[in-house]
Amino acid sequence: MLTPTAKANIEHMAEWDQVTVGGYVVGENIRFEVNRTDKIFTVKMFDRLVLLNEDSFLTAAEVIKYIDRS
């Protein structure tokens, strides 16, 4: 479940920004790295240092929905 701050960070990403959500620092094994280019958002899901999945989305709303489901 994303915090309101994490959702706001994703919604307000500028082109070429990166946001990291979750991870060891906040006591979670799963970490999401969200990268935005000029056209798409790319989301990488990691368990500690192991890349589990990588998906692309067109909108921030799709990214938030995907992370909330995971």
Protein backbone atom coordinates (compact mmCIF):
# COMPACT_ATOMS: atom_id res chain seq x y z
CA MET A 1 0.00 0.00 0.00
CA LEU A 2 1.42 3.34 -1.03
CA THR A 3 1.56 6.23 1.40
CA PRO A 4 -0.06 9.52 0.39
CA THR A 5 3.43 11.03 0.03
CA ALA A 6 4.59 8.23 -2.30
CA LYS A 7 1.45 8.66 -4.44
CA ALA A 8 2.04 12.41 -4.67
CA ASN A 9 5.69 11.86 -5.61
CA ILE A 10 4.66 9.57 -8.48
CA GLU A 11 1.83 11.84 -9.64
CA HIS A 12 4.14 14.88 -9.79
CA MET A 13 7.14 13.26 -11.48
CA ALA A 14 8.73 15.40 -14.16
CA GLU A 15 10.22 13.90 -17.30
CA TRP A 16 13.41 11.91 -16.60
CA ASP A 17 12.71 11.71 -12.83
CA GLN A 18 13.14 8.59 -10.68
CA VAL A 19 11.25 7.70 -7.48
CA THR A 20 11.99 4.77 -5.17
CA VAL A 21 9.16 3.35 -3.03
CA GLY A 22 9.55 0.83 -0.21
CA GLY A 23 12.67 -1.16 0.45
CA TYR A 24 14.96 -2.00 3.31
CA VAL A 25 15.13 1.54 4.70
CA VAL A 26 11.42 1.48 5.54
CA GLY A 27 11.45 -2.13 6.75
CA GLU A 28 10.16 -3.78 3.57
CA ASN A 29 11.81 -6.40 1.37
CA ILE A 30 10.02 -5.25 -1.80
CA ARG A 31 11.20 -2.05 -3.48
CA PHE A 32 9.80 -0.29 -6.54
CA GLU A 33 11.86 2.00 -8.76
CA VAL A 34 9.74 4.25 -10.98
CA ASN A 35 11.44 6.00 -13.89
CA ARG A 36 9.69 8.47 -16.16
CA THR A 37 10.83 9.31 -19.65
CA ASP A 38 9.19 11.78 -21.98
CA LYS A 39 6.52 9.20 -22.93
CA ILE A 40 6.30 6.32 -20.44
CA PHE A 41 6.75 5.26 -16.84
CA THR A 42 8.91 2.18 -16.21
CA VAL A 43 8.43 0.31 -12.93
CA LYS A 44 10.99 -2.18 -11.66
CA MET A 45 10.10 -4.40 -8.71
CA PHE A 46 12.95 -5.73 -6.58
CA ASP A 47 13.09 -8.18 -3.67
CA ARG A 48 16.18 -6.94 -1.86
CA LEU A 49 18.64 -6.72 -4.80
CA VAL A 50 16.93 -9.20 -7.14
CA LEU A 51 14.93 -7.75 -10.04
CA LEU A 52 11.57 -9.56 -10.05
CA ASN A 53 9.63 -7.69 -12.71
CA GLU A 54 9.74 -4.71 -15.06
CA ASP A 55 6.64 -3.11 -16.61
CA SER A 56 5.85 0.05 -18.54
CA PHE A 57 2.80 2.30 -18.20
CA LEU A 58 1.51 5.44 -19.88
CA THR A 59 0.09 7.27 -16.83
CA ALA A 60 0.93 7.84 -13.18
CA ALA A 61 -2.51 6.48 -12.23
CA GLU A 62 -1.64 3.13 -13.85
CA VAL A 63 1.67 3.04 -11.95
CA ILE A 64 -0.05 3.70 -8.61
CA LYS A 65 -2.68 1.03 -9.31
CA TYR A 66 0.04 -1.51 -10.22
CA ILE A 67 2.09 -0.84 -7.08
CA ASP A 68 -1.01 -0.97 -4.86
CA ARG A 69 -1.95 -4.36 -6.35
CA SER A 70 1.53 -5.81 -5.83
